[in-house]
Amino acid sequence: MDRVGNWPNAFPRTAAVFGSSGGIGLALSEALAQAGCETVYAGSRQGTAPAGGPVKPFAFDLKDESTIAAAASMMKADPPEWVVIASGVLTLVDGSGPERTYKRLDPAAMAEVFAINTIGPALVAKHILPLMPRNRRFVVAALSARVGSISDNGLGGWHSYRASKAALNMLIRNFALEMGRTHKHGVIVGLHPGTVDSRLSQPFQSNLPNGQLTAPDVAAANLLGVLSALGPEQSGRVFDYKGDEIPA
């Protein structure tokens, strides 16, 4: 992948990935570095992303706003032109998975899912959006999910995960509208990467049809291609890995 390649818009000089220790986040960090970014801020809880070349690891915790504020402050001297929030949770650390029925709803588990999938990304936006330029294109994207679509929901279940992603999609729309009043060239979107071979999807891979599971490096290339093709007129929406819009 080269910096401009066949994409409509050039790849950024600087980029940031929040959640670079996960399968997609790590692949995104590596792809951005290979695409010619001079600086790739790679954030994880331990701050242990592979360093070297353009990759600059940093530590942050989605549930600790002070660490997010510190990360944004560190980037202020050389702000990222593209930001991808690649963190998320489907199965909690205690092994409990998404609820298949309302009878399994647990307030503590639900709060944990929202803290990671909705509130954390919102706090990243709170501290990152002020760094974005007013006079040129920038991209801020968060990994969402097709199951966060309300109108596309024909199965139900997975209550906390669906609701957390639907709420994230609303915040993306809100941020795009607010920033669009002063930052006319900005692109703020949600991304559905498909089913990627990662820790998040691992408990659910056994029932997938052949060919539906995507390798992280392929998913990263798909998502970066989509981001390159989007313009301010698409800001506030959610797109899948093919570039097709997902309905709200």
C-alpha atoms as a PDB file:
ATOM      1  CA  MET A   1       0.000   0.000   0.000  1.00  0.00           C
ATOM      2  CA  ASP A   2       1.556   3.316  -0.883  1.00  0.00           C
ATOM      3  CA  ARG A   3       0.775   6.639   0.642  1.00  0.00           C
ATOM      4  CA  VAL A   4      -1.382   7.854  -2.225  1.00  0.00           C
ATOM      5  CA  GLY A   5      -1.744   4.715  -4.328  1.00  0.00           C
ATOM      6  CA  ASN A   6      -5.146   4.440  -5.969  1.00  0.00           C
ATOM      7  CA  TRP A   7      -7.024   6.105  -3.123  1.00  0.00           C
ATOM      8  CA  PRO A   8      -8.891   9.354  -3.866  1.00  0.00           C
ATOM      9  CA  ASN A   9      -7.239  11.176  -0.941  1.00  0.00           C
ATOM     10  CA  ALA A  10      -3.610  10.961   0.130  1.00  0.00           C
ATOM     11  CA  PHE A  11      -2.789   9.080   3.293  1.00  0.00           C
ATOM     12  CA  PRO A  12      -1.983  11.282   6.295  1.00  0.00           C
ATOM     13  CA  ARG A  13       1.425  12.455   7.422  1.00  0.00           C
ATOM     14  CA  THR A  14       0.451  11.733  11.027  1.00  0.00           C
ATOM     15  CA  ALA A  15      -2.113   9.323  12.446  1.00  0.00           C
ATOM     16  CA  ALA A  16      -3.256   7.928  15.786  1.00  0.00           C
ATOM     17  CA  VAL A  17      -4.800   4.579  16.675  1.00  0.00           C
ATOM     18  CA  PHE A  18      -6.485   4.234  20.046  1.00  0.00           C
ATOM     19  CA  GLY A  19      -6.544   0.497  20.733  1.00  0.00           C
ATOM     20  CA  SER A  20      -3.401  -0.644  18.928  1.00  0.00           C
ATOM     21  CA  SER A  21      -2.978  -3.884  20.885  1.00  0.00           C
ATOM     22  CA  GLY A  22      -6.087  -5.512  19.388  1.00  0.00           C
ATOM     23  CA  GLY A  23      -6.093  -7.404  16.110  1.00  0.00           C
ATOM     24  CA  ILE A  24      -7.552  -4.620  13.979  1.00  0.00           C
ATOM     25  CA  GLY A  25      -5.819  -1.809  15.862  1.00  0.00           C
ATOM     26  CA  LEU A  26      -2.387  -3.383  15.503  1.00  0.00           C
ATOM     27  CA  ALA A  27      -2.997  -4.048  11.816  1.00  0.00           C
ATOM     28  CA  LEU A  28      -4.139  -0.452  11.303  1.00  0.00           C
ATOM     29  CA  SER A  29      -1.025   0.895  13.018  1.00  0.00           C
ATOM     30  CA  GLU A  30       1.227  -1.278  10.861  1.00  0.00           C
ATOM     31  CA  ALA A  31      -0.654  -0.419   7.658  1.00  0.00           C
ATOM     32  CA  LEU A  32      -0.465   3.316   8.329  1.00  0.00           C
ATOM     33  CA  ALA A  33       3.273   3.034   8.968  1.00  0.00           C
ATOM     34  CA  GLN A  34       3.740   1.056   5.746  1.00  0.00           C
ATOM     35  CA  ALA A  35       1.627   3.588   3.840  1.00  0.00           C
ATOM     36  CA  GLY A  36       4.179   6.310   4.523  1.00  0.00           C
ATOM     37  CA  CYS A  37       2.957   8.051   7.674  1.00  0.00           C
ATOM     38  CA  GLU A  38       5.813   9.904   9.319  1.00  0.00           C
ATOM     39  CA  THR A  39       4.243   9.462  12.764  1.00  0.00           C
ATOM     40  CA  VAL A  40       1.782   6.817  13.953  1.00  0.00           C
ATOM     41  CA  TYR A  41       0.711   7.251  17.572  1.00  0.00           C
ATOM     42  CA  ALA A  42      -0.201   3.747  18.754  1.00  0.00           C
ATOM     43  CA  GLY A  43      -2.149   3.653  21.998  1.00  0.00           C
ATOM     44  CA  SER A  44      -2.862   0.717  24.299  1.00  0.00           C
ATOM     45  CA  ARG A  45      -3.456   0.198  28.014  1.00  0.00           C
ATOM     46  CA  GLN A  46       0.146  -0.850  28.574  1.00  0.00           C
ATOM     47  CA  GLY A  47       1.674   1.461  25.963  1.00  0.00           C
ATOM     48  CA  THR A  48       3.578  -1.500  24.578  1.00  0.00           C
ATOM     49  CA  ALA A  49       2.811  -1.370  20.876  1.00  0.00           C
ATOM     50  CA  PRO A  50       5.876  -2.343  18.816  1.00  0.00           C
ATOM     51  CA  ALA A  51       8.002   0.800  18.595  1.00  0.00           C
ATOM     52  CA  GLY A  52      10.335   1.695  15.780  1.00  0.00           C
ATOM     53  CA  GLY A  53      10.240   3.761  12.624  1.00  0.00           C
ATOM     54  CA  PRO A  54       7.205   6.031  12.661  1.00  0.00           C
ATOM     55  CA  VAL A  55       5.361   4.163  15.455  1.00  0.00           C
ATOM     56  CA  LYS A  56       5.181   6.069  18.741  1.00  0.00           C
ATOM     57  CA  PRO A  57       3.535   3.985  21.509  1.00  0.00           C
ATOM     58  CA  PHE A  58       1.532   5.649  24.256  1.00  0.00           C
ATOM     59  CA  ALA A  59      -0.542   4.399  27.168  1.00  0.00           C
ATOM     60  CA  PHE A  60      -4.200   5.211  27.771  1.00  0.00           C
ATOM     61  CA  ASP A  61      -7.228   3.704  29.493  1.00  0.00           C
ATOM     62  CA  LEU A  62     -10.689   4.237  28.046  1.00  0.00           C
ATOM     63  CA  LYS A  63     -12.115   4.298  31.571  1.00  0.00           C
ATOM     64  CA  ASP A  64      -9.661   6.923  32.847  1.00  0.00           C
ATOM     65  CA  GLU A  65     -10.234  10.301  31.223  1.00  0.00           C
ATOM     66  CA  SER A  66      -6.992  11.719  32.619  1.00  0.00           C
ATOM     67  CA  THR A  67      -4.976   9.252  30.507  1.00  0.00           C
ATOM     68  CA  ILE A  68      -6.880  10.251  27.385  1.00  0.00           C
ATOM     69  CA  ALA A  69      -6.313  13.930  28.129  1.00  0.00           C
ATOM     70  CA  ALA A  70      -2.595  13.239  28.647  1.00  0.00           C
ATOM     71  CA  ALA A  71      -2.399  11.410  25.315  1.00  0.00           C
ATOM     72  CA  ALA A  72      -4.053  14.294  23.474  1.00  0.00           C
ATOM     73  CA  SER A  73      -1.719  16.765  25.187  1.00  0.00           C
ATOM     74  CA  MET A  74       1.271  14.707  24.075  1.00  0.00           C
ATOM     75  CA  MET A  75       0.034  14.902  20.453  1.00  0.00           C
ATOM     76  CA  LYS A  76      -0.638  18.638  20.514  1.00  0.00           C
ATOM     77  CA  ALA A  77       2.735  19.626  19.066  1.00  0.00           C
ATOM     78  CA  ASP A  78       2.220  17.350  16.042  1.00  0.00           C
ATOM     79  CA  PRO A  79      -1.492  16.484  15.872  1.00  0.00           C
ATOM     80  CA  PRO A  80      -2.715  13.429  13.959  1.00  0.00           C
ATOM     81  CA  GLU A  81      -4.495  14.075  10.681  1.00  0.00           C
ATOM     82  CA  TRP A  82      -6.314  10.734  10.955  1.00  0.00           C
ATOM     83  CA  VAL A  83      -7.538   9.207  14.218  1.00  0.00           C
ATOM     84  CA  VAL A  84      -9.041   5.733  14.507  1.00  0.00           C
ATOM     85  CA  ILE A  85     -10.623   4.551  17.741  1.00  0.00           C
ATOM     86  CA  ALA A  86     -10.205   0.805  17.362  1.00  0.00           C
ATOM     87  CA  SER A  87     -11.091  -0.400  20.840  1.00  0.00           C
ATOM     88  CA  GLY A  88     -14.225  -2.286  21.830  1.00  0.00           C
ATOM     89  CA  VAL A  89     -15.616  -5.210  23.789  1.00  0.00           C
ATOM     90  CA  LEU A  90     -18.111  -7.958  23.056  1.00  0.00           C
ATOM     91  CA  THR A  91     -17.172 -10.614  25.627  1.00  0.00           C
ATOM     92  CA  LEU A  92     -16.158  -9.300  29.057  1.00  0.00           C
ATOM     93  CA  VAL A  93     -13.005 -10.350  30.882  1.00  0.00           C
ATOM     94  CA  ASP A  94     -14.990 -12.701  33.122  1.00  0.00           C
ATOM     95  CA  GLY A  95     -16.015 -14.637  30.017  1.00  0.00           C
ATOM     96  CA  SER A  96     -19.612 -13.475  29.929  1.00  0.00           C
ATOM     97  CA  GLY A  97     -20.755 -12.920  26.379  1.00  0.00           C
ATOM     98  CA  PRO A  98     -23.493 -10.795  24.838  1.00  0.00           C
ATOM     99  CA  GLU A  99     -26.935 -11.389  26.322  1.00  0.00           C
ATOM    100  CA  ARG A 100     -29.222 -13.392  24.052  1.00  0.00           C
ATOM    101  CA  THR A 101     -32.300 -12.504  26.116  1.00  0.00           C
ATOM    102  CA  TYR A 102     -33.450  -9.620  28.279  1.00  0.00           C
ATOM    103  CA  LYS A 103     -33.610 -12.113  31.155  1.00  0.00           C
ATOM    104  CA  ARG A 104     -29.805 -12.115  31.294  1.00  0.00           C
ATOM    105  CA  LEU A 105     -29.390  -8.348  31.582  1.00  0.00           C
ATOM    106  CA  ASP A 106     -27.004  -7.348  34.363  1.00  0.00           C
ATOM    107  CA  PRO A 107     -26.514  -3.675  35.224  1.00  0.00           C
ATOM    108  CA  ALA A 108     -22.809  -3.976  36.045  1.00  0.00           C
ATOM    109  CA  ALA A 109     -22.034  -5.859  32.838  1.00  0.00           C
ATOM    110  CA  MET A 110     -24.095  -3.406  30.810  1.00  0.00           C
ATOM    111  CA  ALA A 111     -22.263  -0.446  32.363  1.00  0.00           C
ATOM    112  CA  GLU A 112     -18.911  -2.054  31.507  1.00  0.00           C
ATOM    113  CA  VAL A 113     -19.886  -2.539  27.857  1.00  0.00           C
ATOM    114  CA  PHE A 114     -21.062   1.063  27.576  1.00  0.00           C
ATOM    115  CA  ALA A 115     -17.929   2.353  29.312  1.00  0.00           C
ATOM    116  CA  ILE A 116     -15.710   0.737  26.685  1.00  0.00           C
ATOM    117  CA  ASN A 117     -17.848   0.894  23.540  1.00  0.00           C
ATOM    118  CA  THR A 118     -19.552   4.271  23.985  1.00  0.00           C
ATOM    119  CA  ILE A 119     -18.260   6.476  26.786  1.00  0.00           C
ATOM    120  CA  GLY A 120     -14.566   5.791  26.175  1.00  0.00           C
ATOM    121  CA  PRO A 121     -14.688   6.713  22.476  1.00  0.00           C
ATOM    122  CA  ALA A 122     -16.717   9.808  23.367  1.00  0.00           C
ATOM    123  CA  LEU A 123     -13.969  10.917  25.759  1.00  0.00           C
ATOM    124  CA  VAL A 124     -11.337  10.335  23.096  1.00  0.00           C
ATOM    125  CA  ALA A 125     -13.356  12.589  20.800  1.00  0.00           C
ATOM    126  CA  LYS A 126     -13.681  15.198  23.556  1.00  0.00           C
ATOM    127  CA  HIS A 127      -9.910  15.570  23.782  1.00  0.00           C
ATOM    128  CA  ILE A 128      -8.890  14.831  20.179  1.00  0.00           C
ATOM    129  CA  LEU A 129     -11.383  16.939  18.236  1.00  0.00           C
ATOM    130  CA  PRO A 130      -9.939  20.248  19.526  1.00  0.00           C
ATOM    131  CA  LEU A 131      -6.643  19.297  17.831  1.00  0.00           C
ATOM    132  CA  MET A 132      -8.214  18.987  14.387  1.00  0.00           C
ATOM    133  CA  PRO A 133      -7.480  21.672  11.758  1.00  0.00           C
ATOM    134  CA  ARG A 134     -10.155  24.051  10.517  1.00  0.00           C
ATOM    135  CA  ASN A 135      -8.732  24.662   7.049  1.00  0.00           C
ATOM    136  CA  ARG A 136      -8.023  21.169   5.702  1.00  0.00           C
ATOM    137  CA  ARG A 137      -9.299  17.606   5.684  1.00  0.00           C
ATOM    138  CA  PHE A 138      -9.052  15.400   8.754  1.00  0.00           C
ATOM    139  CA  VAL A 139     -10.530  12.032   9.682  1.00  0.00           C
ATOM    140  CA  VAL A 140     -11.785  10.791  13.037  1.00  0.00           C
ATOM    141  CA  ALA A 141     -13.269   7.298  12.877  1.00  0.00           C
ATOM    142  CA  ALA A 142     -14.507   4.825  15.480  1.00  0.00           C
ATOM    143  CA  LEU A 143     -15.071   1.114  14.995  1.00  0.00           C
ATOM    144  CA  SER A 144     -18.790   0.485  15.205  1.00  0.00           C
ATOM    145  CA  ALA A 145     -20.826  -2.546  14.104  1.00  0.00           C
ATOM    146  CA  ARG A 146     -23.659  -3.394  11.757  1.00  0.00           C
ATOM    147  CA  VAL A 147     -25.619  -4.724  14.738  1.00  0.00           C
ATOM    148  CA  GLY A 148     -25.707  -1.143  16.052  1.00  0.00           C
ATOM    149  CA  SER A 149     -28.178  -0.271  13.302  1.00  0.00           C
ATOM    150  CA  ILE A 150     -31.703   0.044  14.679  1.00  0.00           C
ATOM    151  CA  SER A 151     -33.503  -0.228  11.336  1.00  0.00           C
ATOM    152  CA  ASP A 152     -31.394  -3.242  10.282  1.00  0.00           C
ATOM    153  CA  ASN A 153     -32.069  -5.184  13.495  1.00  0.00           C
ATOM    154  CA  GLY A 154     -34.248  -8.167  12.632  1.00  0.00           C
ATOM    155  CA  LEU A 155     -32.947 -10.657  15.196  1.00  0.00           C
ATOM    156  CA  GLY A 156     -32.760  -8.905  18.577  1.00  0.00           C
ATOM    157  CA  GLY A 157     -30.526 -10.114  21.374  1.00  0.00           C
ATOM    158  CA  TRP A 158     -26.984  -8.956  22.181  1.00  0.00           C
ATOM    159  CA  HIS A 159     -28.675  -6.156  24.076  1.00  0.00           C
ATOM    160  CA  SER A 160     -25.762  -4.289  25.660  1.00  0.00           C
ATOM    161  CA  TYR A 161     -23.502  -4.589  22.619  1.00  0.00           C
ATOM    162  CA  ARG A 162     -26.182  -3.471  20.156  1.00  0.00           C
ATOM    163  CA  ALA A 163     -27.266  -0.588  22.374  1.00  0.00           C
ATOM    164  CA  SER A 164     -23.695   0.568  23.030  1.00  0.00           C
ATOM    165  CA  LYS A 165     -22.921   0.687  19.312  1.00  0.00           C
ATOM    166  CA  ALA A 166     -26.215   2.406  18.487  1.00  0.00           C
ATOM    167  CA  ALA A 167     -25.360   5.038  21.096  1.00  0.00           C
ATOM    168  CA  LEU A 168     -21.864   5.380  19.620  1.00  0.00           C
ATOM    169  CA  ASN A 169     -23.392   5.956  16.191  1.00  0.00           C
ATOM    170  CA  MET A 170     -25.550   8.749  17.603  1.00  0.00           C
ATOM    171  CA  LEU A 171     -22.510  10.398  19.167  1.00  0.00           C
ATOM    172  CA  ILE A 172     -20.649  10.184  15.863  1.00  0.00           C
ATOM    173  CA  ARG A 173     -23.551  11.975  14.200  1.00  0.00           C
ATOM    174  CA  ASN A 174     -23.629  14.619  16.952  1.00  0.00           C
ATOM    175  CA  PHE A 175     -19.882  15.256  16.769  1.00  0.00           C
ATOM    176  CA  ALA A 176     -20.010  15.542  12.971  1.00  0.00           C
ATOM    177  CA  LEU A 177     -22.803  18.111  13.094  1.00  0.00           C
ATOM    178  CA  GLU A 178     -21.102  20.175  15.790  1.00  0.00           C
ATOM    179  CA  MET A 179     -17.663  20.115  14.172  1.00  0.00           C
ATOM    180  CA  GLY A 180     -19.133  20.700  10.716  1.00  0.00           C
ATOM    181  CA  ARG A 181     -20.180  24.209  11.721  1.00  0.00           C
ATOM    182  CA  THR A 182     -16.570  25.322  12.127  1.00  0.00           C
ATOM    183  CA  HIS A 183     -14.480  22.567  10.475  1.00  0.00           C
ATOM    184  CA  LYS A 184     -15.907  22.260   6.962  1.00  0.00           C
ATOM    185  CA  HIS A 185     -13.359  19.720   5.721  1.00  0.00           C
ATOM    186  CA  GLY A 186     -13.647  17.199   8.539  1.00  0.00           C
ATOM    187  CA  VAL A 187     -14.766  13.585   8.227  1.00  0.00           C
ATOM    188  CA  ILE A 188     -16.140  11.948  11.387  1.00  0.00           C
ATOM    189  CA  VAL A 189     -17.529   8.462  10.795  1.00  0.00           C
ATOM    190  CA  GLY A 190     -18.184   5.015  12.175  1.00  0.00           C
ATOM    191  CA  LEU A 191     -16.722   1.907  10.557  1.00  0.00           C
ATOM    192  CA  HIS A 192     -17.979  -1.668  10.436  1.00  0.00           C
ATOM    193  CA  PRO A 193     -14.944  -3.870   9.727  1.00  0.00           C
ATOM    194  CA  GLY A 194     -16.834  -7.102   9.117  1.00  0.00           C
ATOM    195  CA  THR A 195     -16.018 -10.223  11.113  1.00  0.00           C
ATOM    196  CA  VAL A 196     -12.291 -10.038  11.743  1.00  0.00           C
ATOM    197  CA  ASP A 197     -10.104 -12.818  13.111  1.00  0.00           C
ATOM    198  CA  SER A 198      -9.468 -11.224  16.513  1.00  0.00           C
ATOM    199  CA  ARG A 199     -10.010 -11.773  20.226  1.00  0.00           C
ATOM    200  CA  LEU A 200     -13.366 -10.018  20.013  1.00  0.00           C
ATOM    201  CA  SER A 201     -14.809 -12.468  17.453  1.00  0.00           C
ATOM    202  CA  GLN A 202     -12.989 -15.627  18.559  1.00  0.00           C
ATOM    203  CA  PRO A 203     -15.823 -17.078  20.693  1.00  0.00           C
ATOM    204  CA  PHE A 204     -18.217 -16.775  17.726  1.00  0.00           C
ATOM    205  CA  GLN A 205     -16.073 -17.987  14.820  1.00  0.00           C
ATOM    206  CA  SER A 206     -17.082 -21.648  14.818  1.00  0.00           C
ATOM    207  CA  ASN A 207     -20.470 -21.053  13.180  1.00  0.00           C
ATOM    208  CA  LEU A 208     -19.285 -18.659  10.499  1.00  0.00           C
ATOM    209  CA  PRO A 209     -19.720 -19.594   6.828  1.00  0.00           C
ATOM    210  CA  ASN A 210     -16.526 -20.183   4.865  1.00  0.00           C
ATOM    211  CA  GLY A 211     -14.981 -16.944   3.654  1.00  0.00           C
ATOM    212  CA  GLN A 212     -16.738 -14.684   6.160  1.00  0.00           C
ATOM    213  CA  LEU A 213     -13.764 -14.339   8.510  1.00  0.00           C
ATOM    214  CA  THR A 214     -11.313 -11.614   7.491  1.00  0.00           C
ATOM    215  CA  ALA A 215      -7.643 -11.440   8.436  1.00  0.00           C
ATOM    216  CA  PRO A 216      -6.705  -8.291  10.403  1.00  0.00           C
ATOM    217  CA  ASP A 217      -4.313  -6.976   7.740  1.00  0.00           C
ATOM    218  CA  VAL A 218      -6.979  -7.324   5.056  1.00  0.00           C
ATOM    219  CA  ALA A 219      -9.548  -5.624   7.290  1.00  0.00           C
ATOM    220  CA  ALA A 220      -7.129  -2.758   7.963  1.00  0.00           C
ATOM    221  CA  ALA A 221      -6.468  -2.245   4.261  1.00  0.00           C
ATOM    222  CA  ASN A 222     -10.209  -2.250   3.579  1.00  0.00           C
ATOM    223  CA  LEU A 223     -10.930   0.322   6.277  1.00  0.00           C
ATOM    224  CA  LEU A 224      -8.113   2.657   5.268  1.00  0.00           C
ATOM    225  CA  GLY A 225      -9.335   2.517   1.688  1.00  0.00           C
ATOM    226  CA  VAL A 226     -12.823   3.487   2.837  1.00  0.00           C
ATOM    227  CA  LEU A 227     -11.507   6.378   4.931  1.00  0.00           C
ATOM    228  CA  SER A 228      -9.475   7.674   2.028  1.00  0.00           C
ATOM    229  CA  ALA A 229     -12.545   7.782  -0.187  1.00  0.00           C
ATOM    230  CA  LEU A 230     -14.856   9.637   2.212  1.00  0.00           C
ATOM    231  CA  GLY A 231     -15.476  13.357   2.112  1.00  0.00           C
ATOM    232  CA  PRO A 232     -17.121  15.891   4.436  1.00  0.00           C
ATOM    233  CA  GLU A 233     -20.502  15.182   2.859  1.00  0.00           C
ATOM    234  CA  GLN A 234     -20.370  11.664   4.339  1.00  0.00           C
ATOM    235  CA  SER A 235     -19.433  12.866   7.831  1.00  0.00           C
ATOM    236  CA  GLY A 236     -21.691  11.626  10.618  1.00  0.00           C
ATOM    237  CA  ARG A 237     -22.540   8.310   8.979  1.00  0.00           C
ATOM    238  CA  VAL A 238     -21.433   4.693   9.405  1.00  0.00           C
ATOM    239  CA  PHE A 239     -19.814   2.692   6.604  1.00  0.00           C
ATOM    240  CA  ASP A 240     -18.848  -0.928   6.215  1.00  0.00           C
ATOM    241  CA  TYR A 241     -15.534  -2.302   4.964  1.00  0.00           C
ATOM    242  CA  LYS A 242     -16.763  -2.104   1.350  1.00  0.00           C
ATOM    243  CA  GLY A 243     -17.658   1.559   1.655  1.00  0.00           C
ATOM    244  CA  ASP A 244     -21.428   0.950   1.767  1.00  0.00           C
ATOM    245  CA  GLU A 245     -23.406   3.063   4.207  1.00  0.00           C
ATOM    246  CA  ILE A 246     -25.067   1.249   7.121  1.00  0.00           C
ATOM    247  CA  PRO A 247     -28.524   2.618   7.967  1.00  0.00           C
ATOM    248  CA  ALA A 248     -29.176   4.176  11.349  1.00  0.00           C
END
